[in-house]
Amino acid sequence: MKKSKLERSRNRWGIVFILPQLISLVCLGMIPIVIAFVLSFFDWNGFSSPVFTGFQNFKAVFTDPDTAIAIKNTLLYSVIYVPCSIVLSLGLAILLNKAWGKMFYRAVFFLPQIVTSVGIAVVWSWIYQPQFGILNMILKFFGIQGKEWLRDPSTAMGAVIVMSIWWGLGYNIVLFLAGLQNVPRTYVDAAKIDGANERQVFFNITVPLISPTTLLVTITTMINAFQVFDQMFLLTSGGPAKKTYTMAIHIYQTAFKSYELGKASTAALILFFVVVTVSVIQFKLSDKWVHYG
């Protein structure tokens, strides 16, 4: 069927508007992935000519003890950070959805998202400062001995996770608030008329209806967790004793400190495929618990 002049005009303008995003996706997303894939088969320090080594980089990455440490720390961070961030964001979104002046609180919680990671790290390094940090001062007021939170191997990971949860709350809260505000009030009122209490309304109506939002939040939070770099690098640089040494830091150290760009590209590809695999699994499992419409 021949398209009308209006439809053709709309299609052209649609292409014009999405073109910057497509160019960005290709130049900053797809092309780097292809380059990393090619470099993973070469030994290259960034200055001399690349030397083809086949699968030697893959063997080197999988046998490197630092890779095992990075994977372990990344998984530990993700297992704690992802569920805590989601549950806390949803809980706060529910409270804000019932509060007066929700637009103001939404802006307050979202404010850290527009602050640079360096600024956030500086503020939290002051909070965790052993002698004059506000956290230890509060603990001292209650008679509790403070710690060197970022220098103690037993507390460094937890300290960074707390900061990460605080930093990511605003984005997830905004998404959950949007989902909650799209829950039809008629469903809730009908359930209450039938005798359902607040708990039953939440788990039987609200949770299923916001499940698409929950899926989006889960996937984006998981991806951010696997790619965590800023928080770890700025606060601890992967220490102490490599307790916060994640895959992203491992890739950075391999590429820009050891100058093994081929090996770093291999590690980056492994992380990429892990993220893609976990995302695909989540989408497959979502058929059982995500409800659209």
C-alpha atoms as a PDB file:
ATOM      1  CA  MET A   1       0.000   0.000   0.000  1.00  0.00           C
ATOM      2  CA  LYS A   2       1.386   3.381  -1.040  1.00  0.00           C
ATOM      3  CA  LYS A   3       2.189   5.696   1.846  1.00  0.00           C
ATOM      4  CA  SER A   4       0.739   9.162   1.982  1.00  0.00           C
ATOM      5  CA  LYS A   5       2.864  12.286   1.773  1.00  0.00           C
ATOM      6  CA  LEU A   6       2.290  12.917   5.501  1.00  0.00           C
ATOM      7  CA  GLU A   7       3.476   9.414   6.434  1.00  0.00           C
ATOM      8  CA  ARG A   8       6.608   9.753   4.302  1.00  0.00           C
ATOM      9  CA  SER A   9       7.326  13.119   5.902  1.00  0.00           C
ATOM     10  CA  ARG A  10       6.919  11.656   9.387  1.00  0.00           C
ATOM     11  CA  ASN A  11       9.253   8.769   8.540  1.00  0.00           C
ATOM     12  CA  ARG A  12      11.919  11.149   7.264  1.00  0.00           C
ATOM     13  CA  TRP A  13      11.733  13.309  10.374  1.00  0.00           C
ATOM     14  CA  GLY A  14      11.757  10.197  12.541  1.00  0.00           C
ATOM     15  CA  ILE A  15      15.022   9.131  10.935  1.00  0.00           C
ATOM     16  CA  VAL A  16      16.457  12.621  11.414  1.00  0.00           C
ATOM     17  CA  PHE A  17      15.629  12.606  15.136  1.00  0.00           C
ATOM     18  CA  ILE A  18      17.017   9.134  15.847  1.00  0.00           C
ATOM     19  CA  LEU A  19      20.105   9.598  13.657  1.00  0.00           C
ATOM     20  CA  PRO A  20      22.279  11.185  16.414  1.00  0.00           C
ATOM     21  CA  GLN A  21      21.500   8.265  18.716  1.00  0.00           C
ATOM     22  CA  LEU A  22      22.236   5.748  15.971  1.00  0.00           C
ATOM     23  CA  ILE A  23      25.560   7.421  15.186  1.00  0.00           C
ATOM     24  CA  SER A  24      26.416   7.442  18.893  1.00  0.00           C
ATOM     25  CA  LEU A  25      25.477   3.764  19.222  1.00  0.00           C
ATOM     26  CA  VAL A  26      27.610   2.764  16.265  1.00  0.00           C
ATOM     27  CA  CYS A  27      30.632   4.958  17.046  1.00  0.00           C
ATOM     28  CA  LEU A  28      30.702   4.571  20.827  1.00  0.00           C
ATOM     29  CA  GLY A  29      29.148   1.129  21.153  1.00  0.00           C
ATOM     30  CA  MET A  30      29.434  -1.256  18.241  1.00  0.00           C
ATOM     31  CA  ILE A  31      32.763  -0.116  16.749  1.00  0.00           C
ATOM     32  CA  PRO A  32      34.649  -0.325  20.106  1.00  0.00           C
ATOM     33  CA  ILE A  33      33.270  -3.839  20.622  1.00  0.00           C
ATOM     34  CA  VAL A  34      34.537  -4.898  17.199  1.00  0.00           C
ATOM     35  CA  ILE A  35      37.933  -3.303  17.873  1.00  0.00           C
ATOM     36  CA  ALA A  36      38.162  -5.048  21.259  1.00  0.00           C
ATOM     37  CA  PHE A  37      37.293  -8.363  19.613  1.00  0.00           C
ATOM     38  CA  VAL A  38      40.080  -7.928  17.038  1.00  0.00           C
ATOM     39  CA  LEU A  39      42.633  -6.761  19.630  1.00  0.00           C
ATOM     40  CA  SER A  40      41.901  -9.793  21.829  1.00  0.00           C
ATOM     41  CA  PHE A  41      43.849 -11.909  19.307  1.00  0.00           C
ATOM     42  CA  PHE A  42      46.908  -9.648  19.355  1.00  0.00           C
ATOM     43  CA  ASP A  43      49.727  -8.761  21.707  1.00  0.00           C
ATOM     44  CA  TRP A  44      49.934  -4.959  21.661  1.00  0.00           C
ATOM     45  CA  ASN A  45      51.287  -2.375  24.070  1.00  0.00           C
ATOM     46  CA  GLY A  46      49.722   0.598  22.277  1.00  0.00           C
ATOM     47  CA  PHE A  47      52.967   1.796  20.690  1.00  0.00           C
ATOM     48  CA  SER A  48      54.628  -0.983  18.707  1.00  0.00           C
ATOM     49  CA  SER A  49      53.041  -3.008  15.919  1.00  0.00           C
ATOM     50  CA  PRO A  50      50.430  -5.576  17.070  1.00  0.00           C
ATOM     51  CA  VAL A  51      51.556  -9.210  17.008  1.00  0.00           C
ATOM     52  CA  PHE A  52      48.981 -11.920  16.326  1.00  0.00           C
ATOM     53  CA  THR A  53      48.892 -14.447  19.186  1.00  0.00           C
ATOM     54  CA  GLY A  54      45.664 -16.355  18.565  1.00  0.00           C
ATOM     55  CA  PHE A  55      43.956 -17.444  21.772  1.00  0.00           C
ATOM     56  CA  GLN A  56      46.953 -16.766  24.020  1.00  0.00           C
ATOM     57  CA  ASN A  57      45.278 -13.717  25.563  1.00  0.00           C
ATOM     58  CA  PHE A  58      42.233 -15.771  26.544  1.00  0.00           C
ATOM     59  CA  LYS A  59      44.485 -18.362  28.167  1.00  0.00           C
ATOM     60  CA  ALA A  60      46.428 -15.640  29.970  1.00  0.00           C
ATOM     61  CA  VAL A  61      43.262 -13.955  31.278  1.00  0.00           C
ATOM     62  CA  PHE A  62      41.687 -17.166  32.566  1.00  0.00           C
ATOM     63  CA  THR A  63      44.904 -18.279  34.284  1.00  0.00           C
ATOM     64  CA  ASP A  64      45.655 -14.865  35.783  1.00  0.00           C
ATOM     65  CA  PRO A  65      44.951 -14.959  39.551  1.00  0.00           C
ATOM     66  CA  ASP A  66      43.955 -11.288  39.421  1.00  0.00           C
ATOM     67  CA  THR A  67      41.091 -12.204  37.078  1.00  0.00           C
ATOM     68  CA  ALA A  68      39.698 -14.635  39.641  1.00  0.00           C
ATOM     69  CA  ILE A  69      39.943 -11.980  42.353  1.00  0.00           C
ATOM     70  CA  ALA A  70      38.244  -9.399  40.112  1.00  0.00           C
ATOM     71  CA  ILE A  71      35.409 -11.772  39.198  1.00  0.00           C
ATOM     72  CA  LYS A  72      34.868 -12.738  42.833  1.00  0.00           C
ATOM     73  CA  ASN A  73      34.738  -9.113  43.988  1.00  0.00           C
ATOM     74  CA  THR A  74      32.466  -8.086  41.117  1.00  0.00           C
ATOM     75  CA  LEU A  75      30.022 -10.891  41.921  1.00  0.00           C
ATOM     76  CA  LEU A  76      30.124 -10.058  45.641  1.00  0.00           C
ATOM     77  CA  TYR A  77      29.437  -6.409  44.911  1.00  0.00           C
ATOM     78  CA  SER A  78      26.586  -7.262  42.531  1.00  0.00           C
ATOM     79  CA  VAL A  79      24.924  -9.809  44.832  1.00  0.00           C
ATOM     80  CA  ILE A  80      24.751  -7.248  47.647  1.00  0.00           C
ATOM     81  CA  TYR A  81      24.283  -4.031  45.708  1.00  0.00           C
ATOM     82  CA  VAL A  82      21.559  -5.042  43.226  1.00  0.00           C
ATOM     83  CA  PRO A  83      18.858  -6.408  45.601  1.00  0.00           C
ATOM     84  CA  CYS A  84      19.546  -3.789  48.286  1.00  0.00           C
ATOM     85  CA  SER A  85      19.333  -0.969  45.768  1.00  0.00           C
ATOM     86  CA  ILE A  86      16.104  -2.266  44.233  1.00  0.00           C
ATOM     87  CA  VAL A  87      14.324  -2.949  47.532  1.00  0.00           C
ATOM     88  CA  LEU A  88      15.346   0.372  49.072  1.00  0.00           C
ATOM     89  CA  SER A  89      14.431   2.318  45.919  1.00  0.00           C
ATOM     90  CA  LEU A  90      11.014   0.679  45.731  1.00  0.00           C
ATOM     91  CA  GLY A  91      10.341   1.285  49.418  1.00  0.00           C
ATOM     92  CA  LEU A  92      11.251   4.963  49.188  1.00  0.00           C
ATOM     93  CA  ALA A  93       9.258   5.339  45.963  1.00  0.00           C
ATOM     94  CA  ILE A  94       6.165   3.957  47.713  1.00  0.00           C
ATOM     95  CA  LEU A  95       6.609   6.423  50.571  1.00  0.00           C
ATOM     96  CA  LEU A  96       7.200   9.348  48.221  1.00  0.00           C
ATOM     97  CA  ASN A  97       4.198   8.373  46.107  1.00  0.00           C
ATOM     98  CA  LYS A  98       1.982   8.993  49.126  1.00  0.00           C
ATOM     99  CA  ALA A  99       3.826  12.068  50.372  1.00  0.00           C
ATOM    100  CA  TRP A 100       2.884  15.683  49.796  1.00  0.00           C
ATOM    101  CA  GLY A 101       5.269  17.539  47.500  1.00  0.00           C
ATOM    102  CA  LYS A 102       6.553  14.427  45.746  1.00  0.00           C
ATOM    103  CA  MET A 103       8.077  16.553  42.962  1.00  0.00           C
ATOM    104  CA  PHE A 104      10.360  18.243  45.478  1.00  0.00           C
ATOM    105  CA  TYR A 105      11.467  14.960  47.062  1.00  0.00           C
ATOM    106  CA  ARG A 106      11.977  13.416  43.634  1.00  0.00           C
ATOM    107  CA  ALA A 107      14.338  16.248  42.748  1.00  0.00           C
ATOM    108  CA  VAL A 108      16.184  15.899  46.085  1.00  0.00           C
ATOM    109  CA  PHE A 109      16.763  12.167  45.627  1.00  0.00           C
ATOM    110  CA  PHE A 110      17.720  12.580  41.976  1.00  0.00           C
ATOM    111  CA  LEU A 111      20.218  15.371  42.697  1.00  0.00           C
ATOM    112  CA  PRO A 112      23.241  13.048  43.249  1.00  0.00           C
ATOM    113  CA  GLN A 113      22.756  11.710  39.708  1.00  0.00           C
ATOM    114  CA  ILE A 114      23.776  15.031  38.197  1.00  0.00           C
ATOM    115  CA  VAL A 115      26.879  15.367  40.387  1.00  0.00           C
ATOM    116  CA  THR A 116      30.133  14.026  38.955  1.00  0.00           C
ATOM    117  CA  SER A 117      31.581  10.813  40.342  1.00  0.00           C
ATOM    118  CA  VAL A 118      34.669  12.727  41.482  1.00  0.00           C
ATOM    119  CA  GLY A 119      32.560  15.087  43.572  1.00  0.00           C
ATOM    120  CA  ILE A 120      30.625  12.203  45.103  1.00  0.00           C
ATOM    121  CA  ALA A 121      33.856  10.355  45.909  1.00  0.00           C
ATOM    122  CA  VAL A 122      35.370  13.421  47.582  1.00  0.00           C
ATOM    123  CA  VAL A 123      32.300  13.890  49.804  1.00  0.00           C
ATOM    124  CA  TRP A 124      32.193  10.228  50.840  1.00  0.00           C
ATOM    125  CA  SER A 125      35.933  10.086  51.437  1.00  0.00           C
ATOM    126  CA  TRP A 126      35.379  12.898  53.950  1.00  0.00           C
ATOM    127  CA  ILE A 127      32.501  10.962  55.527  1.00  0.00           C
ATOM    128  CA  TYR A 128      34.700   7.879  55.895  1.00  0.00           C
ATOM    129  CA  GLN A 129      37.791   9.821  57.017  1.00  0.00           C
ATOM    130  CA  PRO A 130      39.146   7.998  60.111  1.00  0.00           C
ATOM    131  CA  GLN A 131      40.040  10.997  62.340  1.00  0.00           C
ATOM    132  CA  PHE A 132      37.629  13.755  61.333  1.00  0.00           C
ATOM    133  CA  GLY A 133      34.984  11.973  59.256  1.00  0.00           C
ATOM    134  CA  ILE A 134      31.375  12.554  60.202  1.00  0.00           C
ATOM    135  CA  LEU A 135      30.633   8.821  60.413  1.00  0.00           C
ATOM    136  CA  ASN A 136      33.290   8.143  63.043  1.00  0.00           C
ATOM    137  CA  MET A 137      32.337  11.324  64.887  1.00  0.00           C
ATOM    138  CA  ILE A 138      28.751  10.112  65.157  1.00  0.00           C
ATOM    139  CA  LEU A 139      29.897   6.692  66.317  1.00  0.00           C
ATOM    140  CA  LYS A 140      32.208   8.300  68.873  1.00  0.00           C
ATOM    141  CA  PHE A 141      29.280  10.336  70.215  1.00  0.00           C
ATOM    142  CA  PHE A 142      27.507   7.055  70.988  1.00  0.00           C
ATOM    143  CA  GLY A 143      30.639   5.530  72.495  1.00  0.00           C
ATOM    144  CA  ILE A 144      31.440   3.292  69.523  1.00  0.00           C
ATOM    145  CA  GLN A 145      34.969   2.982  68.216  1.00  0.00           C
ATOM    146  CA  GLY A 146      35.225   4.077  64.592  1.00  0.00           C
ATOM    147  CA  LYS A 147      37.231   2.366  61.862  1.00  0.00           C
ATOM    148  CA  GLU A 148      39.364   3.180  58.877  1.00  0.00           C
ATOM    149  CA  TRP A 149      36.485   2.253  56.620  1.00  0.00           C
ATOM    150  CA  LEU A 150      38.269   2.486  53.277  1.00  0.00           C
ATOM    151  CA  ARG A 151      41.594   1.081  54.499  1.00  0.00           C
ATOM    152  CA  ASP A 152      40.272  -1.910  56.425  1.00  0.00           C
ATOM    153  CA  PRO A 153      39.905  -5.014  54.183  1.00  0.00           C
ATOM    154  CA  SER A 154      36.874  -6.130  56.209  1.00  0.00           C
ATOM    155  CA  THR A 155      34.911  -2.896  55.665  1.00  0.00           C
ATOM    156  CA  ALA A 156      36.151  -1.412  52.370  1.00  0.00           C
ATOM    157  CA  MET A 157      33.728  -3.276  50.107  1.00  0.00           C
ATOM    158  CA  GLY A 158      30.778  -2.547  52.380  1.00  0.00           C
ATOM    159  CA  ALA A 159      31.675   1.138  52.544  1.00  0.00           C
ATOM    160  CA  VAL A 160      31.775   1.418  48.762  1.00  0.00           C
ATOM    161  CA  ILE A 161      28.487  -0.487  48.403  1.00  0.00           C
ATOM    162  CA  VAL A 162      26.757   1.923  50.810  1.00  0.00           C
ATOM    163  CA  MET A 163      27.981   4.880  48.769  1.00  0.00           C
ATOM    164  CA  SER A 164      26.905   3.206  45.513  1.00  0.00           C
ATOM    165  CA  ILE A 165      23.405   2.500  46.819  1.00  0.00           C
ATOM    166  CA  TRP A 166      23.025   6.120  47.932  1.00  0.00           C
ATOM    167  CA  TRP A 167      24.321   7.365  44.587  1.00  0.00           C
ATOM    168  CA  GLY A 168      21.996   5.195  42.506  1.00  0.00           C
ATOM    169  CA  LEU A 169      18.820   5.679  44.538  1.00  0.00           C
ATOM    170  CA  GLY A 170      17.573   8.739  42.674  1.00  0.00           C
ATOM    171  CA  TYR A 171      17.469   7.162  39.225  1.00  0.00           C
ATOM    172  CA  ASN A 172      15.660   4.028  40.419  1.00  0.00           C
ATOM    173  CA  ILE A 173      13.233   5.993  42.582  1.00  0.00           C
ATOM    174  CA  VAL A 174      12.169   8.125  39.616  1.00  0.00           C
ATOM    175  CA  LEU A 175      11.535   4.993  37.547  1.00  0.00           C
ATOM    176  CA  PHE A 176       9.556   3.297  40.317  1.00  0.00           C
ATOM    177  CA  LEU A 177       7.552   6.472  40.955  1.00  0.00           C
ATOM    178  CA  ALA A 178       6.594   6.556  37.276  1.00  0.00           C
ATOM    179  CA  GLY A 179       5.502   2.927  37.496  1.00  0.00           C
ATOM    180  CA  LEU A 180       3.504   3.461  40.686  1.00  0.00           C
ATOM    181  CA  GLN A 181       1.709   6.492  39.270  1.00  0.00           C
ATOM    182  CA  ASN A 182       0.607   4.428  36.275  1.00  0.00           C
ATOM    183  CA  VAL A 183      -1.152   1.836  38.447  1.00  0.00           C
ATOM    184  CA  PRO A 184      -4.889   2.358  37.771  1.00  0.00           C
ATOM    185  CA  ARG A 185      -6.605   3.597  40.910  1.00  0.00           C
ATOM    186  CA  THR A 186      -9.726   1.654  39.989  1.00  0.00           C
ATOM    187  CA  TYR A 187      -7.908  -1.661  40.563  1.00  0.00           C
ATOM    188  CA  VAL A 188      -6.819  -0.593  44.027  1.00  0.00           C
ATOM    189  CA  ASP A 189     -10.262   0.712  44.967  1.00  0.00           C
ATOM    190  CA  ALA A 190     -11.944  -2.464  43.695  1.00  0.00           C
ATOM    191  CA  ALA A 191      -9.596  -4.635  45.732  1.00  0.00           C
ATOM    192  CA  LYS A 192     -10.261  -2.623  48.889  1.00  0.00           C
ATOM    193  CA  ILE A 193     -14.000  -2.868  48.345  1.00  0.00           C
ATOM    194  CA  ASP A 194     -13.565  -6.651  48.169  1.00  0.00           C
ATOM    195  CA  GLY A 195     -11.850  -6.556  51.566  1.00  0.00           C
ATOM    196  CA  ALA A 196      -8.151  -6.576  50.598  1.00  0.00           C
ATOM    197  CA  ASN A 197      -5.773  -4.946  53.066  1.00  0.00           C
ATOM    198  CA  GLU A 198      -2.744  -2.801  52.188  1.00  0.00           C
ATOM    199  CA  ARG A 199      -0.381  -5.785  52.121  1.00  0.00           C
ATOM    200  CA  GLN A 200      -2.640  -7.762  49.790  1.00  0.00           C
ATOM    201  CA  VAL A 201      -3.110  -4.761  47.496  1.00  0.00           C
ATOM    202  CA  PHE A 202       0.634  -4.252  47.299  1.00  0.00           C
ATOM    203  CA  PHE A 203       1.632  -7.839  46.514  1.00  0.00           C
ATOM    204  CA  ASN A 204      -1.364  -8.816  44.360  1.00  0.00           C
ATOM    205  CA  ILE A 205      -1.981  -5.595  42.416  1.00  0.00           C
ATOM    206  CA  THR A 206       0.850  -3.084  42.716  1.00  0.00           C
ATOM    207  CA  VAL A 207       3.789  -5.484  42.337  1.00  0.00           C
ATOM    208  CA  PRO A 208       2.418  -7.244  39.210  1.00  0.00           C
ATOM    209  CA  LEU A 209       1.454  -3.951  37.540  1.00  0.00           C
ATOM    210  CA  ILE A 210       4.873  -2.363  38.101  1.00  0.00           C
ATOM    211  CA  SER A 211       6.740  -5.538  37.077  1.00  0.00           C
ATOM    212  CA  PRO A 212       7.872  -4.030  33.706  1.00  0.00           C
ATOM    213  CA  THR A 213       9.460  -1.165  35.654  1.00  0.00           C
ATOM    214  CA  THR A 214      11.010  -3.640  38.083  1.00  0.00           C
ATOM    215  CA  LEU A 215      12.521  -5.543  35.149  1.00  0.00           C
ATOM    216  CA  LEU A 216      14.007  -2.340  33.726  1.00  0.00           C
ATOM    217  CA  VAL A 217      15.435  -1.307  37.100  1.00  0.00           C
ATOM    218  CA  THR A 218      16.835  -4.796  37.717  1.00  0.00           C
ATOM    219  CA  ILE A 219      18.614  -4.987  34.369  1.00  0.00           C
ATOM    220  CA  THR A 220      20.066  -1.464  34.479  1.00  0.00           C
ATOM    221  CA  THR A 221      21.172  -1.886  38.101  1.00  0.00           C
ATOM    222  CA  MET A 222      22.764  -5.243  37.314  1.00  0.00           C
ATOM    223  CA  ILE A 223      24.653  -3.829  34.331  1.00  0.00           C
ATOM    224  CA  ASN A 224      25.914  -0.927  36.430  1.00  0.00           C
ATOM    225  CA  ALA A 225      27.014  -3.365  39.135  1.00  0.00           C
ATOM    226  CA  PHE A 226      29.044  -5.524  36.754  1.00  0.00           C
ATOM    227  CA  GLN A 227      30.678  -2.446  35.240  1.00  0.00           C
ATOM    228  CA  VAL A 228      31.383  -0.665  38.532  1.00  0.00           C
ATOM    229  CA  PHE A 229      34.562   1.385  38.279  1.00  0.00           C
ATOM    230  CA  ASP A 230      34.268   5.002  39.447  1.00  0.00           C
ATOM    231  CA  GLN A 231      33.392   4.255  43.058  1.00  0.00           C
ATOM    232  CA  MET A 232      36.085   1.628  43.524  1.00  0.00           C
ATOM    233  CA  PHE A 233      38.813   3.506  41.687  1.00  0.00           C
ATOM    234  CA  LEU A 234      38.242   6.894  43.311  1.00  0.00           C
ATOM    235  CA  LEU A 235      37.752   5.661  46.875  1.00  0.00           C
ATOM    236  CA  THR A 236      40.061   2.651  47.152  1.00  0.00           C
ATOM    237  CA  SER A 237      41.834   2.133  43.784  1.00  0.00           C
ATOM    238  CA  GLY A 238      41.012  -1.561  44.145  1.00  0.00           C
ATOM    239  CA  GLY A 239      42.504  -1.909  47.616  1.00  0.00           C
ATOM    240  CA  PRO A 240      43.062  -2.601  50.393  1.00  0.00           C
ATOM    241  CA  ALA A 241      44.544  -6.044  49.688  1.00  0.00           C
ATOM    242  CA  LYS A 242      42.516  -6.053  46.430  1.00  0.00           C
ATOM    243  CA  LYS A 243      39.251  -6.391  48.359  1.00  0.00           C
ATOM    244  CA  THR A 244      37.593  -3.899  45.971  1.00  0.00           C
ATOM    245  CA  TYR A 245      39.484  -4.999  42.863  1.00  0.00           C
ATOM    246  CA  THR A 246      36.714  -5.455  40.281  1.00  0.00           C
ATOM    247  CA  MET A 247      36.702  -6.483  36.621  1.00  0.00           C
ATOM    248  CA  ALA A 248      36.540  -2.886  35.403  1.00  0.00           C
ATOM    249  CA  ILE A 249      39.574  -1.956  37.502  1.00  0.00           C
ATOM    250  CA  HIS A 250      41.344  -5.110  36.309  1.00  0.00           C
ATOM    251  CA  ILE A 251      40.740  -4.074  32.691  1.00  0.00           C
ATOM    252  CA  TYR A 252      41.995  -0.556  33.419  1.00  0.00           C
ATOM    253  CA  GLN A 253      45.122  -1.761  35.217  1.00  0.00           C
ATOM    254  CA  THR A 254      45.925  -4.261  32.471  1.00  0.00           C
ATOM    255  CA  ALA A 255      45.459  -1.720  29.680  1.00  0.00           C
ATOM    256  CA  PHE A 256      46.915   1.498  31.086  1.00  0.00           C
ATOM    257  CA  LYS A 257      49.404   0.351  33.709  1.00  0.00           C
ATOM    258  CA  SER A 258      50.695  -2.928  32.295  1.00  0.00           C
ATOM    259  CA  TYR A 259      50.165  -1.755  28.693  1.00  0.00           C
ATOM    260  CA  GLU A 260      48.736  -5.136  27.682  1.00  0.00           C
ATOM    261  CA  LEU A 261      45.930  -3.857  25.473  1.00  0.00           C
ATOM    262  CA  GLY A 262      45.255  -7.233  23.871  1.00  0.00           C
ATOM    263  CA  LYS A 263      44.815  -8.907  27.247  1.00  0.00           C
ATOM    264  CA  ALA A 264      42.703  -5.999  28.495  1.00  0.00           C
ATOM    265  CA  SER A 265      40.463  -6.275  25.413  1.00  0.00           C
ATOM    266  CA  THR A 266      40.018  -9.980  26.133  1.00  0.00           C
ATOM    267  CA  ALA A 267      38.990  -9.266  29.729  1.00  0.00           C
ATOM    268  CA  ALA A 268      36.592  -6.578  28.494  1.00  0.00           C
ATOM    269  CA  LEU A 269      35.026  -9.038  26.040  1.00  0.00           C
ATOM    270  CA  ILE A 270      34.557 -11.595  28.788  1.00  0.00           C
ATOM    271  CA  LEU A 271      32.817  -8.992  30.945  1.00  0.00           C
ATOM    272  CA  PHE A 272      30.682  -7.946  27.957  1.00  0.00           C
ATOM    273  CA  PHE A 273      29.520 -11.505  27.264  1.00  0.00           C
ATOM    274  CA  VAL A 274      28.779 -12.104  30.954  1.00  0.00           C
ATOM    275  CA  VAL A 275      26.598  -8.977  31.083  1.00  0.00           C
ATOM    276  CA  VAL A 276      24.808  -9.932  27.849  1.00  0.00           C
ATOM    277  CA  THR A 277      24.244 -13.502  29.060  1.00  0.00           C
ATOM    278  CA  VAL A 278      22.823 -12.431  32.414  1.00  0.00           C
ATOM    279  CA  SER A 279      20.589  -9.850  30.690  1.00  0.00           C
ATOM    280  CA  VAL A 280      19.252 -12.437  28.229  1.00  0.00           C
ATOM    281  CA  ILE A 281      18.549 -14.863  31.083  1.00  0.00           C
ATOM    282  CA  GLN A 282      16.671 -12.147  32.940  1.00  0.00           C
ATOM    283  CA  PHE A 283      14.564 -11.393  29.864  1.00  0.00           C
ATOM    284  CA  LYS A 284      13.792 -15.094  29.420  1.00  0.00           C
ATOM    285  CA  LEU A 285      12.793 -15.513  33.055  1.00  0.00           C
ATOM    286  CA  SER A 286      10.737 -12.312  32.941  1.00  0.00           C
ATOM    287  CA  ASP A 287       8.038 -14.100  30.934  1.00  0.00           C
ATOM    288  CA  LYS A 288       6.998 -15.809  34.178  1.00  0.00           C
ATOM    289  CA  TRP A 289       6.706 -12.752  36.399  1.00  0.00           C
ATOM    290  CA  VAL A 290       6.433  -9.624  34.234  1.00  0.00           C
ATOM    291  CA  HIS A 291       2.896  -8.616  33.303  1.00  0.00           C
ATOM    292  CA  TYR A 292       2.199  -6.089  30.557  1.00  0.00           C
ATOM    293  CA  GLY A 293      -1.123  -4.302  30.511  1.00  0.00           C
END
